[in-house]
Amino acid sequence: MNKTTIAAALLGLSLAAQAATEAELKASFDPYQSGFPSHPGLSAGTVINQANVDQFKEVVPGGVYRLLKDGLFEIKVGPTTQFELSGAYVEATRRNLGKAKLGTNNGDLEGFEGGRPFVEEPDIQDPRAGEKLAWNYKYGVNWGDGANITPFYWKYRNMATGQLERTIQFSFHFLNFKHRVKDDPVPEVTPNPSNLFRGIYVKVDAPQDLKNTQLLIQRYDDDQKIDDAYLYLGFQRRVRRLATGQTTDAFLGSDLMIEDFEGYNGRISDMKWTYKGTKNVILPMWNHNELALSDEFKDADGFKYVGFGGQGECFHQGTWQLRKVYVLEAEPVNGAHPVSKRVFYMDAQLGNLNGANEIYDRKGELWKVFMVGKSHADHHLPINKGSGIGIDDAFSMIDVQGKHCTTGHFKGQVDPKQNPPRMFQAQYMRGGD
């Protein structure tokens, strides 16, 4: 081991040994205590487009900048707002402050019990700062202890012509088995003999040729253990286990891989994580009920979805706001992976990874840009009020090279009753209820 490596390792140990403080906890969950960020010429109501994007290049995520520069869409800026996280999650973080420590290997975490594992501001000199941010994402609020998106419409579009090729209606369900902080049972669903951390269950409700196709992902609390993933094809009437590599295939012909779900749907140990610095950039975040919403889908309860426009109707039409973010790069450890790296603009308050991602192909060229817009929970469905979750509200996955897109229209509901633990077992896929 050379002197540089030894110094870096010692620095990492010394940084890990410093106990987190209450002040750091408060700053982690409220990065705007001293005021919201600003940028010259940028204010609520500003429209960023091809004509003026260079003026704001410093605060526009790299992939989004390219899309704007190419004239594919424009962005309307809204005011920066607080996205307060669940009080139960903050309290769990407080109870467990400083307990979580990185282990020897990437993907090893020791002492973690609940909440945000690392509240300290990342240090560019810390060689494992990126890994700590990745753990904050894995054990972040995301959809909380349990939630579902029903219905969830995906549209496949030719971006060049605007042709709508296909619409698929899904139901997505999420359940945390462990490290639960709010919804009973807390802190763990029992029995949990496999020591699962989280489950994702997906079912296709329409069209008829794909109806009852189901996907189940079981993620273990032990990050070194490979996820279990199962696919049920209705016409075959059987459940089959997915090979690891299939999580990077196009999912049902869309522009998304299973690994793309929620921004990053994989293990910490599958990637080399690098913290690249802290910036202020615009992210798609808004109050759902303050937008001009679409009348396209006629839900019985009157819920309206975010509209889409721009080239090929590939871009959600919500407002963007200037946010504090951590720039995080993830490089696959598997050299055969179809992606060379992912770049995340991690919202410092929410800790999510899906605001405006860049996905690069194996040659290192920009391949896709993934933009997931979030609504404040208190300005969405009544059932979500007070949940302290940034509600995923619309997505645009843009294939820059293929000039194609997949768009997502969410109806997210933070409702534990709709996510029973039996739903997240392979046996459920054969018969359901």
Protein backbone atom coordinates (compact mmCIF):
# COMPACT_ATOMS: atom_id res chain seq x y z
CA MET A 1 0.00 0.00 0.00
CA ASN A 2 1.53 3.35 -1.04
CA LYS A 3 1.64 6.47 1.11
CA THR A 4 -1.29 8.12 -0.69
CA THR A 5 -3.51 5.08 -0.16
CA ILE A 6 -2.50 4.84 3.50
CA ALA A 7 -3.23 8.53 4.03
CA ALA A 8 -6.62 8.22 2.37
CA ALA A 9 -7.50 5.20 4.49
CA LEU A 10 -6.45 6.94 7.70
CA LEU A 11 -8.43 10.01 6.72
CA GLY A 12 -11.49 7.86 6.07
CA LEU A 13 -11.14 6.25 9.49
CA SER A 14 -10.68 9.58 11.25
CA LEU A 15 -13.72 11.04 9.53
CA ALA A 16 -15.81 8.00 10.43
CA ALA A 17 -14.74 8.26 14.04
CA GLN A 18 -16.07 11.78 14.50
CA ALA A 19 -19.43 11.62 16.24
CA ALA A 20 -22.34 13.23 14.46
CA THR A 21 -23.97 16.12 16.29
CA GLU A 22 -27.51 17.39 16.74
CA ALA A 23 -26.58 20.44 14.69
CA GLU A 24 -25.49 18.21 11.81
CA LEU A 25 -28.73 16.28 12.05
CA LYS A 26 -30.78 19.48 11.82
CA ALA A 27 -28.72 20.74 8.89
CA SER A 28 -29.11 17.40 7.11
CA PHE A 29 -32.90 17.54 7.23
CA ASP A 30 -33.14 21.30 6.74
CA PRO A 31 -30.35 22.46 4.43
CA TYR A 32 -32.13 25.80 4.03
CA GLN A 33 -31.88 27.03 7.62
CA SER A 34 -29.91 30.04 6.46
CA GLY A 35 -32.13 30.72 3.46
CA PHE A 36 -32.89 29.30 0.05
CA PRO A 37 -30.24 29.25 -2.71
CA SER A 38 -30.25 31.84 -5.46
CA HIS A 39 -28.65 32.43 -8.86
CA PRO A 40 -28.38 35.67 -10.86
CA GLY A 41 -31.41 36.17 -13.09
CA LEU A 42 -33.21 33.08 -11.81
CA SER A 43 -36.49 33.51 -9.96
CA ALA A 44 -39.96 31.99 -9.79
CA GLY A 45 -41.55 32.40 -13.20
CA THR A 46 -38.29 32.30 -15.17
CA VAL A 47 -38.52 30.14 -18.29
CA ILE A 48 -35.32 28.37 -19.32
CA ASN A 49 -35.12 27.32 -22.95
CA GLN A 50 -32.72 26.97 -25.86
CA ALA A 51 -32.32 30.73 -26.15
CA ASN A 52 -31.14 31.42 -22.60
CA VAL A 53 -29.95 28.10 -21.15
CA ASP A 54 -26.29 29.12 -21.34
CA GLN A 55 -27.04 31.91 -18.87
CA PHE A 56 -28.10 29.23 -16.35
CA LYS A 57 -25.71 26.43 -17.31
CA GLU A 58 -24.12 26.43 -13.85
CA VAL A 59 -27.40 25.44 -12.18
CA VAL A 60 -28.78 23.04 -14.81
CA PRO A 61 -27.94 19.30 -14.52
CA GLY A 62 -25.64 18.24 -17.36
CA GLY A 63 -28.02 15.94 -19.20
CA VAL A 64 -30.91 18.37 -18.84
CA TYR A 65 -28.69 21.13 -20.23
CA ARG A 66 -28.14 19.10 -23.39
CA LEU A 67 -31.89 18.52 -23.85
CA LEU A 68 -32.58 22.22 -23.41
CA LYS A 69 -29.73 23.22 -25.70
CA ASP A 70 -31.18 20.94 -28.37
CA GLY A 71 -34.51 22.76 -28.05
CA LEU A 72 -36.46 19.67 -27.01
CA PHE A 73 -38.36 21.34 -24.18
CA GLU A 74 -38.35 24.28 -21.80
CA ILE A 75 -38.46 24.61 -18.02
CA LYS A 76 -40.54 26.93 -15.90
CA VAL A 77 -38.93 27.76 -12.57
CA GLY A 78 -40.95 27.73 -9.37
CA PRO A 79 -40.01 28.90 -5.86
CA THR A 80 -37.70 26.73 -3.77
CA THR A 81 -39.71 25.09 -0.99
CA GLN A 82 -39.19 22.90 2.02
CA PHE A 83 -39.78 19.18 1.52
CA GLU A 84 -39.91 18.16 5.18
CA LEU A 85 -39.33 14.48 5.83
CA SER A 86 -41.40 12.32 8.14
CA GLY A 87 -40.97 13.31 11.78
CA ALA A 88 -40.78 9.61 12.68
CA TYR A 89 -37.84 9.18 10.31
CA VAL A 90 -36.06 12.21 11.77
CA GLU A 91 -36.59 10.84 15.29
CA ALA A 92 -35.26 7.43 14.26
CA THR A 93 -32.17 9.19 12.94
CA ARG A 94 -31.79 11.04 16.22
CA ARG A 95 -32.07 7.86 18.30
CA ASN A 96 -29.43 6.15 16.20
CA LEU A 97 -27.14 9.10 15.61
CA GLY A 98 -23.59 7.99 14.99
CA LYS A 99 -24.25 4.25 15.27
CA ALA A 100 -23.81 3.40 11.59
CA LYS A 101 -20.25 2.73 10.40
CA LEU A 102 -18.87 1.58 7.09
CA GLY A 103 -17.37 -1.88 7.11
CA THR A 104 -14.19 -3.01 5.39
CA ASN A 105 -15.76 -3.61 1.98
CA ASN A 106 -18.04 -1.57 -0.22
CA GLY A 107 -21.51 -2.82 0.73
CA ASP A 108 -20.70 -3.46 4.39
CA LEU A 109 -22.56 -1.38 6.98
CA GLU A 110 -22.26 -1.98 10.70
CA GLY A 111 -24.39 -0.80 13.61
CA PHE A 112 -27.24 0.63 11.55
CA GLU A 113 -30.70 0.44 13.13
CA GLY A 114 -32.87 3.08 11.51
CA GLY A 115 -33.19 6.58 10.06
CA ARG A 116 -30.55 8.33 7.94
CA PRO A 117 -27.24 6.51 8.49
CA PHE A 118 -24.89 9.47 7.89
CA VAL A 119 -26.02 13.03 8.61
CA GLU A 120 -22.60 14.67 8.35
CA GLU A 121 -21.98 16.94 5.38
CA PRO A 122 -19.98 14.90 2.83
CA ASP A 123 -16.29 15.76 2.60
CA ILE A 124 -14.62 15.69 -0.81
CA GLN A 125 -11.45 14.49 0.96
CA ASP A 126 -13.25 11.45 2.35
CA PRO A 127 -12.63 8.59 -0.12
CA ARG A 128 -15.85 6.86 0.97
CA ALA A 129 -18.14 9.90 1.06
CA GLY A 130 -20.00 8.66 -2.01
CA GLU A 131 -20.65 5.30 -0.41
CA LYS A 132 -22.12 7.02 2.67
CA LEU A 133 -24.50 9.00 0.46
CA ALA A 134 -25.53 5.77 -1.27
CA TRP A 135 -26.40 4.24 2.10
CA ASN A 136 -28.45 7.33 2.91
CA TYR A 137 -30.42 6.62 -0.25
CA LYS A 138 -30.89 2.91 0.43
CA TYR A 139 -32.22 3.57 3.92
CA GLY A 140 -33.93 6.81 2.98
CA VAL A 141 -37.63 7.61 3.13
CA ASN A 142 -38.22 7.00 -0.61
CA TRP A 143 -41.84 5.70 -0.49
CA GLY A 144 -41.75 5.30 3.29
CA ASP A 145 -42.58 2.07 5.11
CA GLY A 146 -45.13 1.13 2.46
CA ALA A 147 -46.90 2.74 -0.49
CA ASN A 148 -48.33 1.98 -3.89
CA ILE A 149 -48.80 3.62 -7.28
CA THR A 150 -52.18 2.63 -8.67
CA PRO A 151 -52.79 3.30 -11.47
CA PHE A 152 -49.39 3.97 -12.97
CA TYR A 153 -49.45 4.68 -16.71
CA TRP A 154 -46.36 4.28 -18.90
CA LYS A 155 -46.34 5.59 -22.44
CA TYR A 156 -43.78 4.63 -25.10
CA ARG A 157 -43.19 7.38 -27.64
CA ASN A 158 -41.15 8.08 -30.72
CA MET A 159 -39.63 11.40 -29.68
CA ALA A 160 -38.88 12.49 -33.24
CA THR A 161 -42.43 12.02 -34.57
CA GLY A 162 -44.50 12.13 -31.39
CA GLN A 163 -46.10 8.80 -32.26
CA LEU A 164 -47.60 7.05 -29.23
CA GLU A 165 -46.55 3.42 -29.61
CA ARG A 166 -48.01 1.84 -26.50
CA THR A 167 -49.65 2.59 -23.14
CA ILE A 168 -49.28 0.18 -20.22
CA GLN A 169 -51.20 0.45 -16.95
CA PHE A 170 -49.40 -0.87 -13.88
CA SER A 171 -49.80 -1.21 -10.15
CA PHE A 172 -46.53 -0.79 -8.21
CA HIS A 173 -46.25 -1.66 -4.51
CA PHE A 174 -43.41 -1.05 -2.06
CA LEU A 175 -42.84 -2.45 1.44
CA ASN A 176 -40.00 -2.06 3.90
CA PHE A 177 -39.67 -5.24 5.94
CA LYS A 178 -36.98 -3.80 8.21
CA HIS A 179 -35.96 -0.40 9.62
CA ARG A 180 -39.57 0.75 9.63
CA VAL A 181 -40.14 3.97 11.54
CA LYS A 182 -43.80 4.99 11.22
CA ASP A 183 -46.36 2.40 10.17
CA ASP A 184 -47.05 -0.67 12.29
CA PRO A 185 -45.34 -2.98 12.73
CA VAL A 186 -42.29 -0.96 13.83
CA PRO A 187 -39.38 -1.63 13.42
CA GLU A 188 -39.83 -4.87 11.41
CA VAL A 189 -42.40 -7.05 9.71
CA THR A 190 -42.31 -10.50 11.29
CA PRO A 191 -41.82 -13.27 10.53
CA ASN A 192 -38.97 -12.31 8.20
CA PRO A 193 -36.91 -15.51 7.98
CA SER A 194 -34.97 -14.37 4.90
CA ASN A 195 -33.97 -11.08 6.56
CA LEU A 196 -35.39 -9.02 3.71
CA PHE A 197 -35.06 -5.25 3.82
CA ARG A 198 -37.49 -4.29 1.06
CA GLY A 199 -39.85 -5.66 -1.53
CA ILE A 200 -41.16 -4.24 -4.82
CA TYR A 201 -44.16 -5.88 -6.47
CA VAL A 202 -45.36 -4.87 -9.94
CA LYS A 203 -48.46 -6.03 -11.82
CA VAL A 204 -49.65 -5.11 -15.32
CA ASP A 205 -53.38 -4.28 -15.41
CA ALA A 206 -53.63 -3.41 -19.13
CA PRO A 207 -53.38 -3.96 -22.09
CA GLN A 208 -54.77 -7.46 -22.50
CA ASP A 209 -51.65 -8.99 -24.10
CA LEU A 210 -49.56 -8.12 -21.04
CA LYS A 211 -52.25 -8.27 -18.36
CA ASN A 212 -51.24 -10.08 -15.18
CA THR A 213 -47.52 -9.92 -15.99
CA GLN A 214 -45.90 -9.55 -12.58
CA LEU A 215 -42.46 -8.67 -11.23
CA LEU A 216 -41.23 -9.21 -7.68
CA ILE A 217 -37.94 -7.91 -6.30
CA GLN A 218 -36.73 -8.94 -2.86
CA ARG A 219 -33.82 -6.97 -1.47
CA TYR A 220 -31.91 -8.35 1.48
CA ASP A 221 -30.75 -6.32 4.43
CA ASP A 222 -27.32 -7.84 3.84
CA ASP A 223 -26.16 -5.83 0.85
CA GLN A 224 -23.63 -8.49 -0.12
CA LYS A 225 -26.48 -10.90 -0.82
CA ILE A 226 -27.80 -10.74 -4.40
CA ASP A 227 -31.41 -9.64 -4.80
CA ASP A 228 -34.02 -12.23 -5.65
CA ALA A 229 -36.18 -11.25 -8.63
CA TYR A 230 -39.11 -13.15 -10.11
CA LEU A 231 -41.22 -12.66 -13.22
CA TYR A 232 -44.69 -14.08 -13.82
CA LEU A 233 -45.95 -14.17 -17.40
CA GLY A 234 -49.70 -14.64 -17.51
CA PHE A 235 -49.76 -16.56 -20.79
CA GLN A 236 -47.18 -19.03 -19.45
CA ARG A 237 -48.86 -19.28 -16.02
CA ARG A 238 -45.57 -19.79 -14.23
CA VAL A 239 -43.15 -17.88 -12.05
CA ARG A 240 -39.52 -17.85 -13.12
CA ARG A 241 -36.50 -16.43 -11.37
CA LEU A 242 -34.74 -13.64 -13.22
CA ALA A 243 -31.04 -13.98 -13.85
CA THR A 244 -28.99 -11.13 -12.40
CA GLY A 245 -28.17 -9.68 -15.82
CA GLN A 246 -31.83 -9.33 -16.75
CA THR A 247 -32.24 -6.36 -14.42
CA THR A 248 -30.32 -4.33 -17.01
CA ASP A 249 -32.49 -5.39 -19.95
CA ALA A 250 -35.22 -3.09 -21.28
CA PHE A 251 -38.24 -3.74 -19.06
CA LEU A 252 -41.25 -4.76 -21.18
CA GLY A 253 -39.80 -2.96 -24.19
CA SER A 254 -39.59 0.41 -22.43
CA ASP A 255 -36.62 2.76 -22.10
CA LEU A 256 -36.17 1.68 -18.46
CA MET A 257 -34.19 -1.15 -16.95
CA ILE A 258 -35.34 -2.70 -13.67
CA GLU A 259 -32.12 -1.19 -12.28
CA ASP A 260 -33.46 2.28 -13.18
CA PHE A 261 -36.50 2.05 -10.92
CA GLU A 262 -36.58 4.89 -8.35
CA GLY A 263 -33.39 6.27 -9.87
CA TYR A 264 -31.27 3.33 -8.78
CA ASN A 265 -32.67 -0.08 -7.94
CA GLY A 266 -29.68 -2.21 -7.01
CA ARG A 267 -27.20 -3.00 -4.29
CA ILE A 268 -24.64 -0.58 -2.90
CA SER A 269 -21.98 -3.22 -3.57
CA ASP A 270 -22.85 -3.33 -7.28
CA MET A 271 -21.35 0.13 -7.81
CA LYS A 272 -18.27 2.16 -7.03
CA TRP A 273 -19.62 5.40 -5.54
CA THR A 274 -17.83 8.75 -5.87
CA TYR A 275 -18.94 12.03 -4.32
CA LYS A 276 -18.14 14.79 -6.82
CA GLY A 277 -19.14 17.83 -4.79
CA THR A 278 -22.08 19.93 -3.64
CA LYS A 279 -23.95 22.31 -5.96
CA ASN A 280 -27.15 24.25 -6.34
CA VAL A 281 -29.10 22.97 -9.35
CA ILE A 282 -32.69 22.96 -10.52
CA LEU A 283 -34.74 19.80 -9.96
CA PRO A 284 -38.35 18.99 -10.93
CA MET A 285 -40.20 19.54 -7.63
CA TRP A 286 -43.59 21.14 -7.17
CA ASN A 287 -47.00 21.20 -5.51
CA HIS A 288 -49.20 18.87 -7.55
CA ASN A 289 -52.47 20.71 -6.97
CA GLU A 290 -50.97 24.03 -8.10
CA LEU A 291 -50.08 22.76 -11.59
CA ALA A 292 -52.15 22.93 -14.76
CA LEU A 293 -53.07 19.24 -14.82
CA SER A 294 -54.16 16.93 -17.62
CA ASP A 295 -57.75 15.79 -18.21
CA GLU A 296 -56.60 12.73 -20.15
CA PHE A 297 -57.32 10.01 -17.59
CA LYS A 298 -60.74 9.95 -15.97
CA ASP A 299 -60.23 8.61 -12.45
CA ALA A 300 -63.44 8.06 -10.51
CA ASP A 301 -62.24 10.24 -7.61
CA GLY A 302 -61.40 13.12 -9.94
CA PHE A 303 -57.63 12.84 -9.54
CA LYS A 304 -55.77 14.52 -12.40
CA TYR A 305 -52.27 13.68 -13.61
CA VAL A 306 -49.33 15.87 -14.56
CA GLY A 307 -49.40 16.81 -18.24
CA PHE A 308 -46.64 16.28 -20.80
CA GLY A 309 -45.34 18.44 -23.65
CA GLY A 310 -42.14 19.35 -25.47
CA GLN A 311 -40.69 17.28 -28.30
CA GLY A 312 -42.82 14.18 -28.82
CA GLU A 313 -44.77 14.97 -25.62
CA CYS A 314 -41.88 13.36 -23.74
CA PHE A 315 -41.43 15.96 -20.99
CA HIS A 316 -43.49 16.43 -17.83
CA GLN A 317 -44.90 19.92 -17.44
CA GLY A 318 -44.24 20.62 -13.77
CA THR A 319 -42.12 23.42 -12.37
CA TRP A 320 -38.47 23.08 -11.35
CA GLN A 321 -36.81 24.68 -8.33
CA LEU A 322 -33.27 25.52 -7.28
CA ARG A 323 -32.06 22.94 -4.74
CA LYS A 324 -28.94 21.99 -2.84
CA VAL A 325 -27.69 18.69 -4.26
CA TYR A 326 -24.83 16.25 -3.84
CA VAL A 327 -23.37 15.16 -7.17
CA LEU A 328 -22.79 11.43 -7.02
CA GLU A 329 -21.30 9.09 -9.61
CA ALA A 330 -21.81 5.32 -9.67
CA GLU A 331 -19.64 3.05 -11.81
CA PRO A 332 -20.65 -0.63 -12.12
CA VAL A 333 -18.13 -3.06 -10.68
CA ASN A 334 -19.19 -5.58 -13.35
CA GLY A 335 -17.29 -4.77 -16.53
CA ALA A 336 -20.02 -6.38 -18.68
CA HIS A 337 -22.65 -3.92 -17.45
CA PRO A 338 -24.31 -1.94 -20.29
CA VAL A 339 -23.80 1.32 -18.39
CA SER A 340 -20.37 2.87 -17.84
CA LYS A 341 -21.59 5.24 -15.14
CA ARG A 342 -24.61 6.94 -13.66
CA VAL A 343 -24.58 10.55 -12.48
CA PHE A 344 -27.07 11.51 -9.77
CA TYR A 345 -28.05 14.93 -8.48
CA MET A 346 -29.06 13.83 -5.00
CA ASP A 347 -31.44 16.24 -3.31
CA ALA A 348 -29.75 17.11 -0.02
CA GLN A 349 -33.03 17.28 1.89
CA LEU A 350 -34.90 14.25 0.57
CA GLY A 351 -31.89 12.04 -0.12
CA ASN A 352 -33.45 10.65 -3.32
CA LEU A 353 -31.56 9.76 -6.50
CA ASN A 354 -34.12 10.28 -9.23
CA GLY A 355 -34.44 14.01 -9.85
CA ALA A 356 -32.35 14.37 -13.01
CA ASN A 357 -30.06 11.41 -13.68
CA GLU A 358 -27.60 10.88 -16.49
CA ILE A 359 -26.91 7.38 -17.78
CA TYR A 360 -23.81 6.82 -19.93
CA ASP A 361 -23.26 3.90 -22.30
CA ARG A 362 -20.22 1.63 -22.28
CA LYS A 363 -18.35 4.02 -24.58
CA GLY A 364 -18.84 6.82 -22.04
CA GLU A 365 -21.38 8.73 -24.16
CA LEU A 366 -24.63 10.13 -22.80
CA TRP A 367 -27.33 7.54 -23.40
CA LYS A 368 -30.36 8.46 -21.32
CA VAL A 369 -31.65 11.22 -19.05
CA PHE A 370 -34.13 10.25 -16.32
CA MET A 371 -36.20 13.04 -14.77
CA VAL A 372 -38.67 12.21 -12.00
CA GLY A 373 -40.80 15.09 -10.77
CA LYS A 374 -41.86 15.13 -7.13
CA SER A 375 -44.82 16.72 -5.43
CA HIS A 376 -44.92 17.88 -1.84
CA ALA A 377 -47.07 15.33 0.00
CA ASP A 378 -49.32 18.00 1.53
CA HIS A 379 -50.33 19.23 -1.93
CA HIS A 380 -51.28 15.88 -3.42
CA LEU A 381 -53.92 13.27 -2.55
CA PRO A 382 -55.47 13.70 0.94
CA ILE A 383 -54.14 10.27 2.00
CA ASN A 384 -50.57 11.52 1.47
CA LYS A 385 -50.89 14.62 3.61
CA GLY A 386 -48.45 14.66 6.52
CA SER A 387 -46.54 11.62 5.27
CA GLY A 388 -43.26 13.54 4.94
CA ILE A 389 -42.46 11.93 1.60
CA GLY A 390 -41.55 13.52 -1.72
CA ILE A 391 -44.29 11.96 -3.84
CA ASP A 392 -43.07 10.75 -7.24
CA ASP A 393 -45.54 12.44 -9.58
CA ALA A 394 -44.34 12.09 -13.19
CA PHE A 395 -41.29 10.77 -15.02
CA SER A 396 -39.55 11.24 -18.35
CA MET A 397 -36.94 8.72 -19.46
CA ILE A 398 -35.30 10.16 -22.54
CA ASP A 399 -33.17 7.97 -24.80
CA VAL A 400 -30.94 10.67 -26.26
CA GLN A 401 -29.33 8.35 -28.78
CA GLY A 402 -32.46 6.50 -29.90
CA LYS A 403 -34.67 9.62 -29.92
CA HIS A 404 -37.28 7.76 -27.94
CA CYS A 405 -38.92 8.20 -24.56
CA THR A 406 -40.97 6.46 -21.91
CA THR A 407 -43.15 8.66 -19.73
CA GLY A 408 -44.77 7.87 -16.40
CA HIS A 409 -48.03 9.20 -14.96
CA PHE A 410 -48.21 8.43 -11.22
CA LYS A 411 -51.03 8.18 -8.74
CA GLY A 412 -48.92 7.53 -5.65
CA GLN A 413 -50.66 6.63 -2.39
CA VAL A 414 -48.97 6.27 1.00
CA ASP A 415 -51.40 3.67 2.31
CA PRO A 416 -50.00 0.74 4.33
CA LYS A 417 -53.24 -1.25 3.99
CA GLN A 418 -52.67 -1.69 0.26
CA ASN A 419 -49.27 -3.37 0.71
CA PRO A 420 -49.73 -6.56 2.76
CA PRO A 421 -46.52 -8.55 3.35
CA ARG A 422 -47.92 -11.63 1.55
CA MET A 423 -47.92 -9.59 -1.67
CA PHE A 424 -44.11 -9.64 -1.66
CA GLN A 425 -43.68 -13.41 -1.80
CA ALA A 426 -43.34 -15.49 -4.98
CA GLN A 427 -46.35 -17.62 -4.03
CA TYR A 428 -48.59 -14.55 -4.31
CA MET A 429 -47.77 -14.18 -8.00
CA ARG A 430 -49.38 -17.51 -8.84
CA GLY A 431 -52.75 -16.70 -7.41
CA GLY A 432 -52.90 -13.24 -5.85
CA ASP A 433 -56.07 -12.75 -3.86
